[in-house]
Protein backbone atom coordinates (compact mmCIF):
# COMPACT_ATOMS: atom_id res chain seq x y z
CA MET A 1 80.02 52.85 102.13
CA PHE A 2 77.11 51.29 100.23
CA GLU A 3 74.50 53.79 99.11
CA ASN A 4 71.00 52.64 98.27
CA LYS A 5 69.81 54.12 95.02
CA ILE A 6 66.35 54.25 93.46
CA THR A 7 66.15 55.30 89.80
CA PHE A 8 63.14 56.79 88.01
CA SER A 9 63.32 56.65 84.20
CA THR A 10 60.97 57.74 81.43
CA GLN A 11 60.94 58.53 77.72
CA GLU A 12 62.67 61.65 76.43
CA ILE A 13 59.42 63.15 75.13
CA CYS A 14 58.20 63.38 78.74
CA LYS A 15 60.82 66.06 79.30
CA GLU A 16 59.42 67.97 76.31
CA ILE A 17 55.86 67.88 77.63
CA ASN A 18 57.14 68.72 81.13
CA ILE A 19 55.61 65.94 83.20
CA GLU A 20 55.84 66.02 86.98
CA LYS A 21 59.07 64.52 88.34
CA PRO A 22 59.23 62.16 91.35
CA VAL A 23 60.52 63.89 94.49
CA PRO A 24 61.20 62.94 98.13
CA ILE A 25 57.88 62.99 99.96
CA ARG A 26 59.42 65.14 102.72
CA LEU A 27 58.76 68.04 100.31
CA ASN A 28 55.02 67.48 100.82
CA ILE A 29 54.70 67.94 104.60
CA PRO A 30 51.24 69.48 105.18
CA GLU A 31 50.96 73.10 106.28
CA TRP A 32 48.84 72.23 109.33
CA PHE A 33 51.71 70.07 110.63
CA LYS A 34 54.32 72.78 110.00
CA LYS A 35 52.25 75.29 111.99
CA LEU A 36 51.97 73.09 115.08
CA THR A 37 54.11 73.76 118.12
CA HIS A 38 55.22 71.23 120.70
CA GLY A 39 56.03 72.19 124.26
CA ILE A 40 55.55 71.25 127.88
CA GLU A 41 52.18 72.96 128.16
CA ASN A 42 51.05 72.09 124.63
CA GLN A 43 52.24 68.63 123.63
CA THR A 44 51.15 67.86 120.06
CA VAL A 45 51.78 65.38 117.27
CA LYS A 46 54.57 67.73 116.14
CA GLY A 47 56.71 66.03 118.76
CA CYS A 48 55.79 62.50 117.65
CA ILE A 49 58.72 61.18 115.61
CA PRO A 50 56.84 58.06 114.39
CA PHE A 51 54.20 60.41 112.91
CA LEU A 52 56.90 62.60 111.34
CA ASP A 53 58.51 59.52 109.78
CA THR A 54 55.27 58.73 107.95
CA LEU A 55 55.43 62.18 106.33
CA THR A 56 59.09 61.99 105.31
CA THR A 57 59.75 58.35 104.37
CA GLY A 58 60.15 57.58 100.68
CA TYR A 59 59.24 59.40 97.48
CA MET A 60 56.07 60.55 95.74
CA PHE A 61 54.44 60.81 92.34
CA LYS A 62 52.26 63.77 91.41
CA LEU A 63 49.49 63.90 88.83
CA ASN A 64 50.79 64.80 85.37
CA GLN A 65 47.44 66.14 84.14
CA ASP A 66 44.24 67.65 85.44
CA ILE A 67 41.68 64.88 85.85
CA TYR A 68 37.99 65.71 85.70
CA LEU A 69 35.90 63.30 87.76
CA LYS A 70 32.18 62.88 87.78
CA HIS A 71 31.29 60.05 90.11
CA ASN A 72 28.12 58.42 91.40
CA TYR A 73 25.72 60.18 89.03
CA ILE A 74 22.75 58.80 87.11
CA ASP A 75 23.14 58.56 83.34
CA ASP A 76 20.40 59.01 80.72
CA GLU A 77 19.37 55.38 81.09
CA GLY A 78 18.91 55.65 84.85
CA ASN A 79 22.09 53.79 85.83
CA PRO A 80 24.70 54.93 88.37
CA LYS A 81 27.89 55.88 86.58
CA THR A 82 31.42 57.25 87.00
CA THR A 83 33.57 58.99 84.38
CA MET A 84 37.11 60.31 84.20
CA ASN A 85 37.94 62.90 81.53
CA LEU A 86 41.31 64.41 80.67
CA PRO A 87 42.89 67.31 78.80
CA ALA A 88 43.80 66.73 75.17
CA LEU A 89 47.38 65.74 75.92
CA ALA A 90 47.20 63.27 73.06
CA SER A 91 47.27 66.25 70.69
CA LYS A 92 50.85 66.95 71.73
CA PRO A 93 53.26 65.86 68.94
CA ASN A 94 54.12 62.15 68.98
CA VAL A 95 52.72 61.41 72.44
CA LEU A 96 50.59 58.50 71.26
CA ASN A 97 53.00 57.45 68.53
CA GLN A 98 55.72 56.90 71.11
CA SER A 99 53.42 54.96 73.43
CA VAL A 100 53.98 57.27 76.36
CA ASN A 101 52.20 55.79 79.35
CA LEU A 102 50.05 58.81 80.20
CA ASN A 103 46.32 59.21 80.74
CA THR A 104 45.66 60.10 77.11
CA VAL A 105 42.64 57.78 77.09
CA PRO A 106 39.94 58.26 79.75
CA ASN A 107 38.20 55.58 81.79
CA ILE A 108 40.97 52.98 81.90
CA GLY A 109 40.67 50.76 84.96
CA HIS A 110 38.96 47.76 86.51
CA THR A 111 35.40 46.51 86.26
CA THR A 112 33.40 45.83 89.40
CA ASN A 113 33.74 42.07 88.82
CA GLN A 114 37.48 42.30 89.41
CA LEU A 115 36.93 43.60 92.95
CA LYS A 116 33.64 41.89 93.70
CA GLY A 117 32.99 41.67 97.45
CA SER A 118 35.91 43.96 98.33
CA PRO A 119 35.41 46.77 100.88
CA LEU A 120 37.44 48.90 98.47
CA LEU A 121 34.73 48.54 95.86
CA LYS A 122 32.07 49.46 98.43
CA LYS A 123 34.07 52.55 99.33
CA ASN A 124 34.06 53.40 95.62
CA GLY A 125 30.27 53.20 95.49
CA ASP A 126 30.30 49.77 93.79
CA MET A 127 31.35 51.40 90.54
CA PHE A 128 34.10 51.14 87.94
CA VAL A 129 37.59 51.66 89.39
CA HIS A 130 39.62 54.21 87.41
CA LYS A 131 43.38 53.97 86.95
CA ILE A 132 46.15 56.58 86.84
CA GLN A 133 48.71 55.79 84.16
CA ASN A 134 52.28 56.53 85.21
CA PRO A 135 55.15 57.07 82.74
CA TRP A 136 57.97 56.38 85.21
CA ILE A 137 59.88 53.07 85.42
CA ILE A 138 61.25 52.44 88.91
CA LYS A 139 64.49 50.53 89.46
CA THR A 140 65.76 49.43 92.87
CA PRO A 141 68.85 47.38 93.82
CA PRO A 142 68.61 43.56 93.79
CA GLY A 143 66.40 42.28 96.59
CA TYR A 144 64.59 45.59 97.09
CA SER A 145 60.92 46.17 96.32
CA CYS A 146 58.59 49.17 96.65
CA LEU A 147 55.46 49.65 98.74
CA PHE A 148 52.94 52.04 97.15
CA LEU A 149 50.46 53.82 99.42
CA PRO A 150 48.26 56.91 99.53
CA PRO A 151 50.39 59.63 101.18
CA LEU A 152 50.47 58.56 104.83
CA ASN A 153 48.64 60.87 107.25
CA ASN A 154 48.23 63.28 104.36
CA GLU A 155 45.59 61.67 102.15
CA HIS A 156 43.48 63.49 99.61
CA ASP A 157 39.86 64.25 100.51
CA VAL A 158 38.43 62.82 97.27
CA PHE A 159 40.53 59.90 96.07
CA GLU A 160 43.20 57.41 97.10
CA ILE A 161 45.18 54.73 95.28
CA ILE A 162 44.79 51.06 96.11
CA PRO A 163 48.02 50.06 97.92
CA GLY A 164 50.35 47.49 96.41
CA ILE A 165 53.87 46.05 96.44
CA VAL A 166 55.98 45.59 93.30
CA ASP A 167 59.38 43.89 92.96
CA THR A 168 60.99 46.89 91.31
CA ASP A 169 64.38 45.18 91.11
CA ASN A 170 62.94 42.98 88.34
CA TYR A 171 59.85 44.78 87.01
CA SER A 172 60.96 46.98 84.14
CA ILE A 173 57.79 48.65 82.88
CA PRO A 174 55.75 51.57 84.28
CA ILE A 175 53.45 50.83 87.22
CA ASN A 176 49.87 52.08 87.01
CA PHE A 177 47.72 52.95 90.01
CA PRO A 178 44.02 52.07 90.35
CA PHE A 179 42.26 54.46 92.69
CA ILE A 180 38.98 54.69 94.52
CA ILE A 181 36.82 57.76 94.92
CA LYS A 182 35.61 58.33 98.45
CA THR A 183 31.89 58.14 97.94
CA GLU A 184 28.99 59.01 100.20
CA PRO A 185 25.62 57.38 99.46
CA GLU A 186 23.44 59.36 97.04
CA LYS A 187 26.09 62.09 96.70
CA THR A 188 27.47 62.98 93.28
CA ILE A 189 31.12 64.01 93.23
CA THR A 190 32.12 66.46 90.51
CA THR A 191 35.66 67.77 90.80
CA ILE A 192 38.96 68.40 89.08
CA LEU A 193 42.05 66.70 90.49
CA LYS A 194 44.71 69.26 89.65
CA ARG A 195 48.00 68.52 87.97
CA GLY A 196 50.76 68.41 90.61
CA THR A 197 48.55 66.77 93.25
CA PRO A 198 50.58 64.17 95.20
CA TYR A 199 48.85 60.81 94.93
CA VAL A 200 51.24 58.00 95.84
CA GLN A 201 53.95 57.46 98.47
CA ILE A 202 56.75 55.13 97.37
CA ILE A 203 58.68 53.31 100.10
CA PRO A 204 61.54 51.05 98.97
CA PHE A 205 62.36 48.16 101.30
CA LYS A 206 64.44 45.00 101.34
CA LYS A 207 62.24 42.01 100.59
CA GLU A 208 63.18 39.17 102.93
CA SER A 209 61.52 36.11 104.42
CA TRP A 210 60.60 36.33 108.09
CA LYS A 211 59.61 33.93 110.85
CA MET A 212 57.30 35.01 113.66
CA GLU A 213 58.02 34.32 117.33
CA ILE A 214 55.85 35.10 120.36
CA ASN A 215 57.37 35.79 123.80
CA TYR A 216 56.06 36.97 127.17
CA PHE A 217 57.82 39.18 129.70
CA LYS A 218 57.21 40.37 133.23
CA ASN A 219 56.03 43.91 133.85
CA GLN A 220 59.20 44.73 135.73
CA ASP A 221 61.30 43.87 132.66
CA ILE A 222 59.79 46.64 130.54
CA ILE A 223 59.95 49.09 133.44
CA ASN A 224 63.67 48.41 133.81
CA LYS A 225 64.33 48.83 130.08
CA VAL A 226 62.28 51.93 129.35
CA GLY A 227 61.85 53.67 132.68
CA LYS A 228 65.37 55.09 132.83
CA PHE A 229 64.88 56.91 129.49
CA ASN A 230 61.59 58.48 130.54
CA LEU A 231 63.30 60.08 133.52
CA LEU A 232 65.74 62.03 131.35
CA ASP A 233 63.63 64.09 128.97
CA ILE A 234 59.97 65.10 128.97
CA LEU A 235 59.43 66.03 125.33
CA HIS A 236 61.95 64.09 123.25
CA THR A 237 62.47 60.65 124.81
CA TYR A 238 62.00 58.68 121.59
CA LYS A 239 63.95 61.13 119.42
CA LEU A 240 66.98 61.19 121.73
CA ASN A 241 67.16 57.52 122.69
CA PHE A 242 65.54 55.34 120.03
CA TRP A 243 65.18 57.13 116.69
CA ASN A 244 67.34 56.09 113.75
CA LYS A 245 67.05 59.01 111.33
CA ILE A 246 67.67 58.27 107.65
CA LYS A 247 67.95 60.51 104.60
CA TRP A 248 65.70 60.56 101.53
CA ASN A 249 67.29 62.49 98.67
């Protein structure tokens, strides 16, 4: 039986400095979801399998360092500004000499001109877009790519990466992640994003060409197809009759 395999590789020194390892995102299910109950008199999202799938599909990266953010403040010259500062990881032996792709240099990212007119830039307060440097190279089987998203239905309150798709069957260098800071007008954000914070959900998928088709059906057709299932179970219709559960290890 064919087994899909995704491989995460990095330099040996990353083991010495104990960076965060990629893990299945099912290990990051939020506590509020775990505490929910689902029953006849209290039907909640705990019983919604499509919602559960968003929390358990794929893998995740976690921040390797604390990141100190000061965003949407006024500098000494009266201009709005954003800064990202980091611990002195570069002082670790040979980190820079071995070109480890970590955030050893602050304020790497994209200028506002690169996202001019984008709603993402507006969400970021029309300021410089910082970037998280990632040391892991991702390898997927031929024909498979990866979708990168903020953790679905479990996003961080302060920041989120800009989603993207990379052909990880061919791309053989680390992928970096620009992120926006969720800004409110005239509000300065000063915070530390702690090491170990999940920040990206990685969903491998087979990249294929598709053709769209539009059809119409009579109301009775859908009643005939779905109605019989709804008569059998009140709480778990989708789970028992339609769900195709897969494993992420």
